[in-house]
Amino acid sequence: TQDLDTATDEARLLADNISVVRARPDDEPAVMAFLDEHWPAWKAEIGRTFRNDPVSLHLAWEGGGVLGFSAYDANNIGASATGTGWFGPMGTAAAARGRGVGAVLLKRCLADMAAQGHAVSTIPWVAPVGFYVHHVGAHISRVFYRYEKRVVVCTAALGGRSRTAPPVLVACGLANSAPRTVPLRLEGDSFG
């Protein structure tokens, strides 16, 4: 088990005019503005944390502005009232990194999750693995790979017409062969 006590680190940050607190519902506009500037793709997930009771988001503030955040129960919540033990997202503004803000935010969320009864937390889609290993002894349990494939539509098979990607991909055949069609399944925001 990891030591998730942050009292000493929070006192040190407070001496530098940085406070770390659980978000309140009226913090949402400031948090959304911070996300607009740094991580707009996470707005929907973080928005969900404000609907949880208690709010499942911790914030670092300096001079009335948000420096960083960490969340849990923002996604992959499942049927349990306490979620599935997924941590994140989290982020600290580049100017505040290296000051211990992220470690405190991380540990506060993990402590909340432990209090909910989670013995294990999943931190999905991790970029700074070393950060999590250093601060909470995390280890890699599974890896997700993102694959992309460029789809080329053969305009000759479409009678020379230029058009956007149809719901069916027309695959270019070899000379003297008829074009084949392959159904496509479009999911998520990747095809907008």
C-alpha atoms as a PDB file:
ATOM      1  CA  THR A   1       0.000   0.000   0.000  1.00  0.00           C
ATOM      2  CA  GLN A   2       1.098   3.529  -0.721  1.00  0.00           C
ATOM      3  CA  ASP A   3       1.243   6.434   1.681  1.00  0.00           C
ATOM      4  CA  LEU A   4      -1.423   8.791   0.359  1.00  0.00           C
ATOM      5  CA  ASP A   5      -1.093  11.390   3.135  1.00  0.00           C
ATOM      6  CA  THR A   6      -0.592  14.832   1.586  1.00  0.00           C
ATOM      7  CA  ALA A   7      -0.681  17.059   4.705  1.00  0.00           C
ATOM      8  CA  THR A   8       3.045  17.929   4.694  1.00  0.00           C
ATOM      9  CA  ASP A   9       3.132  18.591   0.954  1.00  0.00           C
ATOM     10  CA  GLU A  10      -0.074  20.640   1.096  1.00  0.00           C
ATOM     11  CA  ALA A  11       1.410  22.800   3.893  1.00  0.00           C
ATOM     12  CA  ARG A  12       4.524  23.380   1.766  1.00  0.00           C
ATOM     13  CA  LEU A  13       2.380  24.353  -1.234  1.00  0.00           C
ATOM     14  CA  LEU A  14       0.227  26.638   0.917  1.00  0.00           C
ATOM     15  CA  ALA A  15       3.390  28.453   2.032  1.00  0.00           C
ATOM     16  CA  ASP A  16       3.881  29.158  -1.708  1.00  0.00           C
ATOM     17  CA  ASN A  17       0.262  30.424  -1.983  1.00  0.00           C
ATOM     18  CA  ILE A  18      -0.994  27.253  -3.654  1.00  0.00           C
ATOM     19  CA  SER A  19      -4.079  25.657  -2.133  1.00  0.00           C
ATOM     20  CA  VAL A  20      -5.358  22.200  -3.002  1.00  0.00           C
ATOM     21  CA  VAL A  21      -9.046  21.517  -2.386  1.00  0.00           C
ATOM     22  CA  ARG A  22     -11.928  19.355  -3.503  1.00  0.00           C
ATOM     23  CA  ALA A  23     -13.823  21.173  -6.266  1.00  0.00           C
ATOM     24  CA  ARG A  24     -17.203  22.680  -5.470  1.00  0.00           C
ATOM     25  CA  PRO A  25     -20.048  22.960  -7.991  1.00  0.00           C
ATOM     26  CA  ASP A  26     -19.480  26.721  -8.330  1.00  0.00           C
ATOM     27  CA  ASP A  27     -15.868  26.051  -9.468  1.00  0.00           C
ATOM     28  CA  GLU A  28     -17.074  24.575 -12.759  1.00  0.00           C
ATOM     29  CA  PRO A  29     -16.845  27.778 -14.867  1.00  0.00           C
ATOM     30  CA  ALA A  30     -13.225  28.419 -13.806  1.00  0.00           C
ATOM     31  CA  VAL A  31     -12.301  24.784 -14.417  1.00  0.00           C
ATOM     32  CA  MET A  32     -13.911  24.794 -17.880  1.00  0.00           C
ATOM     33  CA  ALA A  33     -12.010  27.982 -18.777  1.00  0.00           C
ATOM     34  CA  PHE A  34      -8.762  26.310 -17.643  1.00  0.00           C
ATOM     35  CA  LEU A  35      -9.567  23.263 -19.760  1.00  0.00           C
ATOM     36  CA  ASP A  36     -10.407  25.460 -22.762  1.00  0.00           C
ATOM     37  CA  GLU A  37      -6.869  26.807 -22.541  1.00  0.00           C
ATOM     38  CA  HIS A  38      -4.984  23.566 -21.867  1.00  0.00           C
ATOM     39  CA  TRP A  39      -7.035  20.374 -22.474  1.00  0.00           C
ATOM     40  CA  PRO A  40     -10.355  21.085 -24.214  1.00  0.00           C
ATOM     41  CA  ALA A  41     -10.859  17.406 -25.069  1.00  0.00           C
ATOM     42  CA  TRP A  42     -11.353  16.617 -21.370  1.00  0.00           C
ATOM     43  CA  LYS A  43     -14.222  19.032 -20.759  1.00  0.00           C
ATOM     44  CA  ALA A  44     -16.970  16.395 -20.994  1.00  0.00           C
ATOM     45  CA  GLU A  45     -15.209  14.017 -18.604  1.00  0.00           C
ATOM     46  CA  ILE A  46     -14.446  16.725 -16.075  1.00  0.00           C
ATOM     47  CA  GLY A  47     -17.979  18.056 -16.408  1.00  0.00           C
ATOM     48  CA  ARG A  48     -19.240  14.659 -15.199  1.00  0.00           C
ATOM     49  CA  THR A  49     -17.234  14.953 -11.978  1.00  0.00           C
ATOM     50  CA  PHE A  50     -19.314  17.958 -10.935  1.00  0.00           C
ATOM     51  CA  ARG A  51     -22.433  15.725 -11.020  1.00  0.00           C
ATOM     52  CA  ASN A  52     -20.952  13.237  -8.525  1.00  0.00           C
ATOM     53  CA  ASP A  53     -21.590  13.525  -4.799  1.00  0.00           C
ATOM     54  CA  PRO A  54     -19.100  14.419  -3.567  1.00  0.00           C
ATOM     55  CA  VAL A  55     -17.550  16.133  -6.582  1.00  0.00           C
ATOM     56  CA  SER A  56     -14.818  13.717  -7.738  1.00  0.00           C
ATOM     57  CA  LEU A  57     -12.336  16.412  -8.718  1.00  0.00           C
ATOM     58  CA  HIS A  58      -9.492  18.042  -6.802  1.00  0.00           C
ATOM     59  CA  LEU A  59      -8.048  21.404  -7.791  1.00  0.00           C
ATOM     60  CA  ALA A  60      -4.856  23.356  -7.198  1.00  0.00           C
ATOM     61  CA  TRP A  61      -5.352  27.127  -7.055  1.00  0.00           C
ATOM     62  CA  GLU A  62      -2.875  29.991  -7.046  1.00  0.00           C
ATOM     63  CA  GLY A  63      -3.952  33.608  -6.911  1.00  0.00           C
ATOM     64  CA  GLY A  64      -7.543  32.800  -7.826  1.00  0.00           C
ATOM     65  CA  GLY A  65      -6.584  30.764 -10.906  1.00  0.00           C
ATOM     66  CA  VAL A  66      -6.600  27.014 -11.493  1.00  0.00           C
ATOM     67  CA  LEU A  67      -3.107  25.482 -11.721  1.00  0.00           C
ATOM     68  CA  GLY A  68      -4.058  21.845 -11.999  1.00  0.00           C
ATOM     69  CA  PHE A  69      -6.721  19.213 -11.461  1.00  0.00           C
ATOM     70  CA  SER A  70      -7.170  15.504 -10.931  1.00  0.00           C
ATOM     71  CA  ALA A  71     -10.350  13.493 -11.253  1.00  0.00           C
ATOM     72  CA  TYR A  72     -11.813  10.077 -10.710  1.00  0.00           C
ATOM     73  CA  ASP A  73     -15.174   8.553 -11.564  1.00  0.00           C
ATOM     74  CA  ALA A  74     -15.162  10.781 -14.637  1.00  0.00           C
ATOM     75  CA  ASN A  75     -15.573   7.933 -17.087  1.00  0.00           C
ATOM     76  CA  ASN A  76     -16.108   4.181 -17.177  1.00  0.00           C
ATOM     77  CA  ILE A  77     -18.321   4.477 -14.108  1.00  0.00           C
ATOM     78  CA  GLY A  78     -20.285   1.251 -14.549  1.00  0.00           C
ATOM     79  CA  ALA A  79     -23.144   0.006 -12.408  1.00  0.00           C
ATOM     80  CA  SER A  80     -21.481   0.641  -9.053  1.00  0.00           C
ATOM     81  CA  ALA A  81     -22.351   3.810  -7.163  1.00  0.00           C
ATOM     82  CA  THR A  82     -18.639   4.197  -6.469  1.00  0.00           C
ATOM     83  CA  GLY A  83     -17.465   3.657 -10.011  1.00  0.00           C
ATOM     84  CA  THR A  84     -15.017   1.097 -11.330  1.00  0.00           C
ATOM     85  CA  GLY A  85     -11.834   2.509  -9.834  1.00  0.00           C
ATOM     86  CA  TRP A  86     -10.679   4.491 -12.828  1.00  0.00           C
ATOM     87  CA  PHE A  87      -8.538   7.531 -12.116  1.00  0.00           C
ATOM     88  CA  GLY A  88      -8.212  10.543 -14.359  1.00  0.00           C
ATOM     89  CA  PRO A  89      -7.903  12.653 -16.235  1.00  0.00           C
ATOM     90  CA  MET A  90      -5.428  14.922 -14.518  1.00  0.00           C
ATOM     91  CA  GLY A  91      -3.294  17.821 -15.638  1.00  0.00           C
ATOM     92  CA  THR A  92      -1.059  20.548 -14.301  1.00  0.00           C
ATOM     93  CA  ALA A  93      -0.320  23.728 -16.230  1.00  0.00           C
ATOM     94  CA  ALA A  94       3.195  23.600 -17.683  1.00  0.00           C
ATOM     95  CA  ALA A  95       4.284  26.636 -15.634  1.00  0.00           C
ATOM     96  CA  ALA A  96       3.394  24.817 -12.382  1.00  0.00           C
ATOM     97  CA  ARG A  97       5.046  21.468 -13.110  1.00  0.00           C
ATOM     98  CA  GLY A  98       7.871  20.328 -10.880  1.00  0.00           C
ATOM     99  CA  ARG A  99       6.424  22.010  -7.780  1.00  0.00           C
ATOM    100  CA  GLY A 100       4.689  18.928  -6.355  1.00  0.00           C
ATOM    101  CA  VAL A 101       1.193  19.985  -7.357  1.00  0.00           C
ATOM    102  CA  GLY A 102       0.464  16.912  -9.477  1.00  0.00           C
ATOM    103  CA  ALA A 103       1.616  14.459  -6.806  1.00  0.00           C
ATOM    104  CA  VAL A 104      -0.724  15.997  -4.223  1.00  0.00           C
ATOM    105  CA  LEU A 105      -3.656  16.014  -6.649  1.00  0.00           C
ATOM    106  CA  LEU A 106      -3.021  12.377  -7.598  1.00  0.00           C
ATOM    107  CA  LYS A 107      -2.774  11.183  -3.995  1.00  0.00           C
ATOM    108  CA  ARG A 108      -5.921  13.044  -2.929  1.00  0.00           C
ATOM    109  CA  CYS A 109      -7.958  11.277  -5.614  1.00  0.00           C
ATOM    110  CA  LEU A 110      -6.453   7.887  -4.840  1.00  0.00           C
ATOM    111  CA  ALA A 111      -7.211   8.405  -1.132  1.00  0.00           C
ATOM    112  CA  ASP A 112     -10.842   9.163  -2.017  1.00  0.00           C
ATOM    113  CA  MET A 113     -11.016   6.029  -4.139  1.00  0.00           C
ATOM    114  CA  ALA A 114      -9.517   3.917  -1.345  1.00  0.00           C
ATOM    115  CA  ALA A 115     -12.146   5.347   1.021  1.00  0.00           C
ATOM    116  CA  GLN A 116     -14.800   4.169  -1.476  1.00  0.00           C
ATOM    117  CA  GLY A 117     -13.445   0.661  -1.043  1.00  0.00           C
ATOM    118  CA  HIS A 118     -11.272   0.368  -4.146  1.00  0.00           C
ATOM    119  CA  ALA A 119      -8.147  -1.690  -3.443  1.00  0.00           C
ATOM    120  CA  VAL A 120      -6.858  -1.026  -6.973  1.00  0.00           C
ATOM    121  CA  SER A 121      -7.120   1.922  -9.299  1.00  0.00           C
ATOM    122  CA  THR A 122      -6.750   1.916 -13.064  1.00  0.00           C
ATOM    123  CA  ILE A 123      -4.979   4.910 -14.582  1.00  0.00           C
ATOM    124  CA  PRO A 124      -5.847   4.555 -18.271  1.00  0.00           C
ATOM    125  CA  TRP A 125      -4.143   6.182 -21.259  1.00  0.00           C
ATOM    126  CA  VAL A 126      -1.023   7.221 -19.383  1.00  0.00           C
ATOM    127  CA  ALA A 127       1.712   9.280 -20.968  1.00  0.00           C
ATOM    128  CA  PRO A 128       4.005  10.143 -18.008  1.00  0.00           C
ATOM    129  CA  VAL A 129       4.379   6.576 -16.665  1.00  0.00           C
ATOM    130  CA  GLY A 130       7.448   7.573 -14.629  1.00  0.00           C
ATOM    131  CA  PHE A 131       5.418  10.160 -12.706  1.00  0.00           C
ATOM    132  CA  TYR A 132       2.927   7.540 -11.522  1.00  0.00           C
ATOM    133  CA  VAL A 133       5.646   4.984 -10.741  1.00  0.00           C
ATOM    134  CA  HIS A 134       7.605   7.538  -8.700  1.00  0.00           C
ATOM    135  CA  HIS A 135       4.735   8.989  -6.682  1.00  0.00           C
ATOM    136  CA  VAL A 136       2.482   5.986  -6.041  1.00  0.00           C
ATOM    137  CA  GLY A 137       4.379   2.900  -7.166  1.00  0.00           C
ATOM    138  CA  ALA A 138       2.095   2.304 -10.133  1.00  0.00           C
ATOM    139  CA  HIS A 139       2.907  -0.472 -12.566  1.00  0.00           C
ATOM    140  CA  ILE A 140       1.781  -1.217 -16.090  1.00  0.00           C
ATOM    141  CA  SER A 141      -0.958  -3.838 -16.105  1.00  0.00           C
ATOM    142  CA  ARG A 142      -2.139  -3.551 -19.697  1.00  0.00           C
ATOM    143  CA  VAL A 143      -1.340  -1.522 -22.770  1.00  0.00           C
ATOM    144  CA  PHE A 144      -3.721   0.032 -25.266  1.00  0.00           C
ATOM    145  CA  TYR A 145      -2.519   0.716 -28.788  1.00  0.00           C
ATOM    146  CA  ARG A 146      -4.174   3.248 -31.025  1.00  0.00           C
ATOM    147  CA  TYR A 147      -4.213   2.309 -34.657  1.00  0.00           C
ATOM    148  CA  GLU A 148      -5.043   4.566 -37.535  1.00  0.00           C
ATOM    149  CA  LYS A 149      -5.574   3.674 -41.147  1.00  0.00           C
ATOM    150  CA  ARG A 150      -5.821   6.129 -43.957  1.00  0.00           C
ATOM    151  CA  VAL A 151      -8.792   5.385 -46.185  1.00  0.00           C
ATOM    152  CA  VAL A 152      -8.383   6.257 -49.852  1.00  0.00           C
ATOM    153  CA  VAL A 153     -11.502   6.389 -51.983  1.00  0.00           C
ATOM    154  CA  CYS A 154     -10.941   5.366 -55.586  1.00  0.00           C
ATOM    155  CA  THR A 155     -12.660   8.101 -57.593  1.00  0.00           C
ATOM    156  CA  ALA A 156     -12.416   6.007 -60.776  1.00  0.00           C
ATOM    157  CA  ALA A 157     -14.644   3.397 -59.168  1.00  0.00           C
ATOM    158  CA  LEU A 158     -17.140   6.162 -58.355  1.00  0.00           C
ATOM    159  CA  GLY A 159     -17.453   7.099 -62.003  1.00  0.00           C
ATOM    160  CA  GLY A 160     -14.804   9.819 -61.678  1.00  0.00           C
ATOM    161  CA  ARG A 161     -16.964  11.861 -59.297  1.00  0.00           C
ATOM    162  CA  SER A 162     -15.285  13.595 -56.429  1.00  0.00           C
ATOM    163  CA  ARG A 163     -17.191  13.106 -53.199  1.00  0.00           C
ATOM    164  CA  THR A 164     -16.705  12.782 -49.484  1.00  0.00           C
ATOM    165  CA  ALA A 165     -16.320   9.389 -47.831  1.00  0.00           C
ATOM    166  CA  PRO A 166     -19.565   7.515 -48.476  1.00  0.00           C
ATOM    167  CA  PRO A 167     -21.067   5.118 -45.959  1.00  0.00           C
ATOM    168  CA  VAL A 168     -19.577   2.336 -48.047  1.00  0.00           C
ATOM    169  CA  LEU A 169     -15.926   2.321 -49.055  1.00  0.00           C
ATOM    170  CA  VAL A 170     -15.372   1.530 -52.704  1.00  0.00           C
ATOM    171  CA  ALA A 171     -12.200  -0.532 -52.899  1.00  0.00           C
ATOM    172  CA  CYS A 172     -10.148  -0.115 -56.053  1.00  0.00           C
ATOM    173  CA  GLY A 173      -9.662  -3.352 -57.880  1.00  0.00           C
ATOM    174  CA  LEU A 174      -7.024  -4.257 -60.416  1.00  0.00           C
ATOM    175  CA  ALA A 175      -7.485  -3.445 -64.074  1.00  0.00           C
ATOM    176  CA  ASN A 176     -10.469  -5.232 -65.661  1.00  0.00           C
ATOM    177  CA  SER A 177     -11.978  -6.078 -62.260  1.00  0.00           C
ATOM    178  CA  ALA A 178     -15.132  -4.663 -60.795  1.00  0.00           C
ATOM    179  CA  PRO A 179     -14.836  -2.474 -57.717  1.00  0.00           C
ATOM    180  CA  ARG A 180     -15.708  -4.169 -54.441  1.00  0.00           C
ATOM    181  CA  THR A 181     -17.618  -2.526 -51.615  1.00  0.00           C
ATOM    182  CA  VAL A 182     -16.680  -2.907 -47.973  1.00  0.00           C
ATOM    183  CA  PRO A 183     -19.037  -1.647 -45.265  1.00  0.00           C
ATOM    184  CA  LEU A 184     -17.486   0.874 -42.894  1.00  0.00           C
ATOM    185  CA  ARG A 185     -18.425   1.427 -39.305  1.00  0.00           C
ATOM    186  CA  LEU A 186     -17.795   5.006 -38.206  1.00  0.00           C
ATOM    187  CA  GLU A 187     -17.574   5.572 -34.482  1.00  0.00           C
ATOM    188  CA  GLY A 188     -16.744   8.353 -32.070  1.00  0.00           C
ATOM    189  CA  ASP A 189     -15.542  11.826 -32.849  1.00  0.00           C
ATOM    190  CA  SER A 190     -12.870  10.644 -35.271  1.00  0.00           C
ATOM    191  CA  PHE A 191     -15.183  11.078 -38.246  1.00  0.00           C
ATOM    192  CA  GLY A 192     -16.725  14.501 -37.868  1.00  0.00           C
END
